[in-house]
Amino acid sequence: MQWMETIKVQSATGKEKAVEEELILLAREIQENTESLKLGAVRASRNTLVPGCFALRLFWNTDEPRIRGSVLGVSLAQSLKEFGLVDHSIWIVSRKREGGNDHERGVTKETALFES
């Protein structure tokens, strides 16, 4: 099953650049150090309309989603609180059944990518 953790950070005024740099660094470090985990991709992004609003997304491929998030996700959410308000949520990738086959919607299978 494919599921996603979203860790959204609304940074305090004046900390936008620091948060963006931290998320990009975290995404790179996670990608380099999580080979043994069933982590499919890591993405860091920023909101186009809301200044200081960022997200770190972890895409997982495990048998069952972790309802409260992975140990990594919970740890990241806790550590990012120093930058502002944090929202940590878990999402399951929607699938459409066609002819007895599952087709994923909304998430492509990729290796780790990050955006700045």
N, C-alpha and C. Protein backbone atom coordinates (compact mmCIF):
# COMPACT_ATOMS: atom_id res chain seq x y z
N MET A 1 0.85 -1.17 0.00
CA MET A 1 0.00 0.00 0.00
C MET A 1 0.89 1.23 0.00
N GLN A 2 0.47 2.23 -0.74
CA GLN A 2 1.23 3.47 -0.77
C GLN A 2 0.50 4.53 0.05
N TRP A 3 1.22 5.18 0.92
CA TRP A 3 0.66 6.24 1.75
C TRP A 3 1.67 7.35 1.90
N MET A 4 1.20 8.51 2.36
CA MET A 4 2.04 9.69 2.41
C MET A 4 1.87 10.40 3.75
N GLU A 5 2.97 10.88 4.25
CA GLU A 5 2.95 11.76 5.43
C GLU A 5 3.22 13.17 4.95
N THR A 6 2.41 14.09 5.38
CA THR A 6 2.65 15.50 5.07
C THR A 6 2.94 16.23 6.36
N ILE A 7 4.07 16.89 6.39
CA ILE A 7 4.45 17.71 7.54
C ILE A 7 4.49 19.15 7.03
N LYS A 8 3.45 19.89 7.39
CA LYS A 8 3.32 21.27 6.92
C LYS A 8 3.84 22.21 8.01
N VAL A 9 4.61 23.20 7.59
CA VAL A 9 5.18 24.17 8.53
C VAL A 9 4.78 25.57 8.08
N GLN A 10 4.16 26.31 8.99
CA GLN A 10 3.89 27.73 8.76
C GLN A 10 4.90 28.49 9.59
N SER A 11 5.90 29.03 8.92
CA SER A 11 7.02 29.62 9.65
C SER A 11 6.66 30.98 10.24
N ALA A 12 7.39 31.32 11.27
CA ALA A 12 7.27 32.64 11.86
C ALA A 12 7.86 33.66 10.88
N THR A 13 7.37 34.88 10.94
CA THR A 13 7.86 35.93 10.06
C THR A 13 9.37 36.10 10.23
N GLY A 14 10.05 36.17 9.10
CA GLY A 14 11.49 36.33 9.12
C GLY A 14 12.27 35.03 9.10
N LYS A 15 11.59 33.90 9.26
CA LYS A 15 12.28 32.61 9.26
C LYS A 15 12.05 31.81 7.97
N GLU A 16 11.42 32.43 6.98
CA GLU A 16 11.07 31.71 5.76
C GLU A 16 12.27 31.07 5.07
N LYS A 17 13.32 31.82 4.89
CA LYS A 17 14.51 31.31 4.20
C LYS A 17 15.15 30.16 4.98
N ALA A 18 15.23 30.30 6.29
CA ALA A 18 15.82 29.25 7.13
C ALA A 18 15.00 27.96 7.05
N VAL A 19 13.67 28.08 7.05
CA VAL A 19 12.81 26.90 6.97
C VAL A 19 12.99 26.21 5.63
N GLU A 20 12.98 26.98 4.56
CA GLU A 20 13.14 26.39 3.22
C GLU A 20 14.48 25.66 3.11
N GLU A 21 15.54 26.28 3.56
CA GLU A 21 16.86 25.63 3.52
C GLU A 21 16.90 24.37 4.37
N GLU A 22 16.28 24.40 5.53
CA GLU A 22 16.24 23.24 6.43
C GLU A 22 15.48 22.08 5.79
N LEU A 23 14.35 22.37 5.16
CA LEU A 23 13.56 21.31 4.54
C LEU A 23 14.29 20.68 3.35
N ILE A 24 14.97 21.49 2.57
CA ILE A 24 15.74 20.94 1.45
C ILE A 24 16.86 20.06 1.97
N LEU A 25 17.56 20.52 3.00
CA LEU A 25 18.63 19.73 3.61
C LEU A 25 18.08 18.42 4.19
N LEU A 26 16.96 18.49 4.90
CA LEU A 26 16.35 17.29 5.47
C LEU A 26 15.96 16.30 4.37
N ALA A 27 15.36 16.79 3.29
CA ALA A 27 14.96 15.91 2.19
C ALA A 27 16.17 15.17 1.61
N ARG A 28 17.26 15.88 1.44
CA ARG A 28 18.48 15.25 0.91
C ARG A 28 19.03 14.21 1.89
N GLU A 29 19.09 14.57 3.17
CA GLU A 29 19.61 13.64 4.18
C GLU A 29 18.73 12.40 4.31
N ILE A 30 17.44 12.58 4.27
CA ILE A 30 16.52 11.45 4.37
C ILE A 30 16.74 10.51 3.19
N GLN A 31 16.83 11.07 2.01
CA GLN A 31 17.04 10.24 0.82
C GLN A 31 18.34 9.45 0.92
N GLU A 32 19.38 10.06 1.39
CA GLU A 32 20.69 9.41 1.46
C GLU A 32 20.77 8.37 2.57
N ASN A 33 19.93 8.47 3.59
CA ASN A 33 20.09 7.62 4.77
C ASN A 33 18.90 6.71 5.09
N THR A 34 18.02 6.48 4.14
CA THR A 34 16.85 5.66 4.44
C THR A 34 16.71 4.48 3.50
N GLU A 35 17.80 3.96 3.00
CA GLU A 35 17.74 2.85 2.05
C GLU A 35 17.04 1.63 2.62
N SER A 36 17.18 1.37 3.91
CA SER A 36 16.57 0.19 4.52
C SER A 36 15.07 0.36 4.79
N LEU A 37 14.58 1.58 4.77
CA LEU A 37 13.16 1.84 4.99
C LEU A 37 12.39 1.68 3.68
N LYS A 38 11.10 1.53 3.79
CA LYS A 38 10.26 1.42 2.59
C LYS A 38 9.77 2.79 2.16
N LEU A 39 10.71 3.72 2.08
CA LEU A 39 10.40 5.10 1.70
C LEU A 39 10.61 5.24 0.19
N GLY A 40 9.54 5.61 -0.52
CA GLY A 40 9.62 5.73 -1.97
C GLY A 40 10.16 7.05 -2.44
N ALA A 41 9.78 8.14 -1.77
CA ALA A 41 10.21 9.46 -2.20
C ALA A 41 10.08 10.45 -1.05
N VAL A 42 10.83 11.53 -1.16
CA VAL A 42 10.77 12.64 -0.21
C VAL A 42 10.69 13.91 -1.03
N ARG A 43 9.78 14.79 -0.66
CA ARG A 43 9.65 16.06 -1.38
C ARG A 43 9.50 17.21 -0.41
N ALA A 44 10.24 18.26 -0.67
CA ALA A 44 10.10 19.51 0.08
C ALA A 44 9.52 20.52 -0.89
N SER A 45 8.54 21.30 -0.42
CA SER A 45 7.92 22.28 -1.31
C SER A 45 7.44 23.49 -0.52
N ARG A 46 7.12 24.54 -1.25
CA ARG A 46 6.59 25.74 -0.61
C ARG A 46 5.31 26.15 -1.30
N ASN A 47 4.44 26.78 -0.56
CA ASN A 47 3.15 27.22 -1.07
C ASN A 47 3.36 28.44 -1.96
N THR A 48 2.69 28.47 -3.11
CA THR A 48 2.86 29.58 -4.04
C THR A 48 2.12 30.84 -3.60
N LEU A 49 1.09 30.69 -2.78
CA LEU A 49 0.28 31.83 -2.39
C LEU A 49 0.50 32.31 -0.96
N VAL A 50 0.93 31.42 -0.09
CA VAL A 50 1.05 31.77 1.33
C VAL A 50 2.54 31.84 1.70
N PRO A 51 3.05 33.04 1.94
CA PRO A 51 4.45 33.18 2.33
C PRO A 51 4.74 32.42 3.63
N GLY A 52 5.85 31.72 3.66
CA GLY A 52 6.26 31.02 4.88
C GLY A 52 5.57 29.69 5.10
N CYS A 53 4.78 29.22 4.13
CA CYS A 53 4.09 27.93 4.27
C CYS A 53 4.85 26.88 3.44
N PHE A 54 5.33 25.84 4.11
CA PHE A 54 6.15 24.81 3.49
C PHE A 54 5.61 23.44 3.84
N ALA A 55 6.01 22.44 3.05
CA ALA A 55 5.61 21.06 3.35
C ALA A 55 6.76 20.11 3.04
N LEU A 56 6.87 19.11 3.86
CA LEU A 56 7.79 18.00 3.63
C LEU A 56 6.90 16.77 3.52
N ARG A 57 7.02 16.06 2.40
CA ARG A 57 6.16 14.88 2.17
C ARG A 57 7.02 13.64 2.06
N LEU A 58 6.59 12.61 2.79
CA LEU A 58 7.27 11.31 2.77
C LEU A 58 6.31 10.31 2.13
N PHE A 59 6.72 9.68 1.05
CA PHE A 59 5.89 8.70 0.35
C PHE A 59 6.37 7.30 0.72
N TRP A 60 5.48 6.52 1.32
CA TRP A 60 5.83 5.20 1.84
C TRP A 60 5.19 4.08 1.03
N ASN A 61 5.85 2.93 1.00
CA ASN A 61 5.34 1.70 0.39
C ASN A 61 5.44 0.59 1.43
N THR A 62 4.40 0.43 2.23
CA THR A 62 4.39 -0.59 3.28
C THR A 62 3.08 -1.37 3.20
N ASP A 63 3.00 -2.47 3.93
CA ASP A 63 1.79 -3.28 3.92
C ASP A 63 0.59 -2.51 4.47
N GLU A 64 0.78 -1.77 5.51
CA GLU A 64 -0.29 -0.98 6.13
C GLU A 64 0.25 0.42 6.46
N PRO A 65 -0.58 1.44 6.33
CA PRO A 65 -0.13 2.78 6.73
C PRO A 65 -0.04 2.88 8.25
N ARG A 66 0.81 3.70 8.73
CA ARG A 66 0.89 3.98 10.17
C ARG A 66 -0.09 5.10 10.45
N ILE A 67 -1.11 4.81 11.19
CA ILE A 67 -2.20 5.74 11.44
C ILE A 67 -1.71 7.07 12.03
N ARG A 68 -0.76 7.02 12.93
CA ARG A 68 -0.23 8.23 13.56
C ARG A 68 1.08 8.69 12.94
N GLY A 69 1.52 8.01 11.88
CA GLY A 69 2.74 8.40 11.19
C GLY A 69 3.90 7.51 11.54
N SER A 70 4.95 7.62 10.75
CA SER A 70 6.16 6.84 10.98
C SER A 70 6.98 7.47 12.10
N VAL A 71 7.91 6.71 12.62
CA VAL A 71 8.82 7.25 13.64
C VAL A 71 9.58 8.44 13.06
N LEU A 72 10.01 8.31 11.80
CA LEU A 72 10.72 9.40 11.13
C LEU A 72 9.83 10.63 11.02
N GLY A 73 8.60 10.45 10.57
CA GLY A 73 7.69 11.58 10.40
C GLY A 73 7.36 12.29 11.70
N VAL A 74 7.10 11.52 12.73
CA VAL A 74 6.80 12.10 14.05
C VAL A 74 8.01 12.88 14.56
N SER A 75 9.18 12.32 14.40
CA SER A 75 10.41 12.99 14.83
C SER A 75 10.64 14.30 14.06
N LEU A 76 10.43 14.25 12.75
CA LEU A 76 10.60 15.46 11.93
C LEU A 76 9.59 16.53 12.34
N ALA A 77 8.34 16.14 12.53
CA ALA A 77 7.31 17.10 12.93
C ALA A 77 7.67 17.77 14.26
N GLN A 78 8.16 16.99 15.19
CA GLN A 78 8.55 17.54 16.49
C GLN A 78 9.72 18.52 16.34
N SER A 79 10.73 18.14 15.56
CA SER A 79 11.91 19.00 15.43
C SER A 79 11.63 20.27 14.64
N LEU A 80 10.65 20.25 13.74
CA LEU A 80 10.35 21.44 12.94
C LEU A 80 9.51 22.47 13.68
N LYS A 81 9.03 22.13 14.87
CA LYS A 81 8.24 23.08 15.66
C LYS A 81 9.02 24.33 16.04
N GLU A 82 10.33 24.24 16.03
CA GLU A 82 11.13 25.43 16.36
C GLU A 82 10.98 26.53 15.30
N PHE A 83 10.49 26.17 14.11
CA PHE A 83 10.35 27.13 13.02
C PHE A 83 8.96 27.76 12.92
N GLY A 84 7.99 27.20 13.62
CA GLY A 84 6.63 27.75 13.55
C GLY A 84 5.60 26.68 13.82
N LEU A 85 4.38 26.90 13.33
CA LEU A 85 3.28 25.95 13.53
C LEU A 85 3.46 24.74 12.60
N VAL A 86 3.22 23.55 13.13
CA VAL A 86 3.41 22.32 12.37
C VAL A 86 2.12 21.51 12.36
N ASP A 87 1.78 21.00 11.20
CA ASP A 87 0.64 20.10 11.03
C ASP A 87 1.17 18.81 10.40
N HIS A 88 0.96 17.69 11.06
CA HIS A 88 1.45 16.38 10.59
C HIS A 88 0.23 15.52 10.29
N SER A 89 0.08 15.10 9.03
CA SER A 89 -1.08 14.31 8.65
C SER A 89 -0.67 13.13 7.77
N ILE A 90 -1.53 12.10 7.77
CA ILE A 90 -1.28 10.87 7.05
C ILE A 90 -2.35 10.73 5.96
N TRP A 91 -1.91 10.37 4.76
CA TRP A 91 -2.81 10.25 3.61
C TRP A 91 -2.58 8.90 2.94
N ILE A 92 -3.67 8.27 2.50
CA ILE A 92 -3.58 7.03 1.74
C ILE A 92 -3.82 7.36 0.28
N VAL A 93 -2.99 6.80 -0.59
CA VAL A 93 -3.13 7.04 -2.02
C VAL A 93 -4.40 6.38 -2.52
N SER A 94 -5.24 7.16 -3.18
CA SER A 94 -6.49 6.62 -3.73
C SER A 94 -6.19 5.73 -4.92
N ARG A 95 -6.97 4.67 -5.04
CA ARG A 95 -6.81 3.75 -6.15
C ARG A 95 -8.15 3.58 -6.85
N LYS A 96 -8.09 3.40 -8.14
CA LYS A 96 -9.29 3.16 -8.94
C LYS A 96 -9.21 1.75 -9.50
N ARG A 97 -10.26 0.98 -9.32
CA ARG A 97 -10.29 -0.40 -9.82
C ARG A 97 -10.82 -0.41 -11.24
N GLU A 98 -10.05 -1.00 -12.15
CA GLU A 98 -10.48 -1.15 -13.54
C GLU A 98 -10.12 -2.56 -13.99
N GLY A 99 -11.11 -3.32 -14.37
CA GLY A 99 -10.86 -4.66 -14.89
C GLY A 99 -10.10 -5.55 -13.92
N GLY A 100 -10.35 -5.41 -12.62
CA GLY A 100 -9.66 -6.24 -11.63
C GLY A 100 -8.28 -5.75 -11.26
N ASN A 101 -7.82 -4.63 -11.84
CA ASN A 101 -6.50 -4.08 -11.54
C ASN A 101 -6.64 -2.76 -10.81
N ASP A 102 -5.72 -2.52 -9.87
CA ASP A 102 -5.68 -1.24 -9.16
C ASP A 102 -4.85 -0.25 -9.97
N HIS A 103 -5.32 0.97 -10.05
CA HIS A 103 -4.56 2.04 -10.70
C HIS A 103 -4.42 3.17 -9.71
N GLU A 104 -3.18 3.60 -9.46
CA GLU A 104 -2.95 4.67 -8.51
C GLU A 104 -3.37 5.99 -9.11
N ARG A 105 -3.83 6.88 -8.25
CA ARG A 105 -4.20 8.21 -8.69
C ARG A 105 -3.44 9.24 -7.86
N GLY A 106 -2.85 10.19 -8.52
CA GLY A 106 -2.29 11.34 -7.82
C GLY A 106 -0.85 11.22 -7.38
N VAL A 107 -0.26 10.04 -7.36
CA VAL A 107 1.12 9.91 -6.94
C VAL A 107 1.84 9.04 -7.95
N THR A 108 2.92 9.53 -8.48
CA THR A 108 3.70 8.73 -9.40
C THR A 108 4.80 8.02 -8.65
N LYS A 109 5.22 6.88 -9.15
CA LYS A 109 6.31 6.15 -8.51
C LYS A 109 7.63 6.75 -8.98
N GLU A 110 8.35 7.33 -8.06
CA GLU A 110 9.62 7.97 -8.38
C GLU A 110 10.59 7.71 -7.25
N THR A 111 11.84 7.88 -7.55
CA THR A 111 12.82 7.90 -6.48
C THR A 111 12.73 9.28 -5.86
N ALA A 112 13.50 9.52 -4.86
CA ALA A 112 13.37 10.77 -4.11
C ALA A 112 13.60 11.99 -4.97
N LEU A 113 12.72 12.94 -4.83
CA LEU A 113 12.84 14.24 -5.49
C LEU A 113 12.62 15.30 -4.43
N PHE A 114 13.21 16.42 -4.64
CA PHE A 114 12.91 17.53 -3.75
C PHE A 114 12.89 18.79 -4.60
N GLU A 115 12.10 19.74 -4.18
CA GLU A 115 11.94 20.97 -4.93
C GLU A 115 12.33 22.13 -4.04
N SER A 116 12.86 23.14 -4.65
CA SER A 116 13.17 24.35 -3.86
C SER A 116 12.42 25.53 -4.41
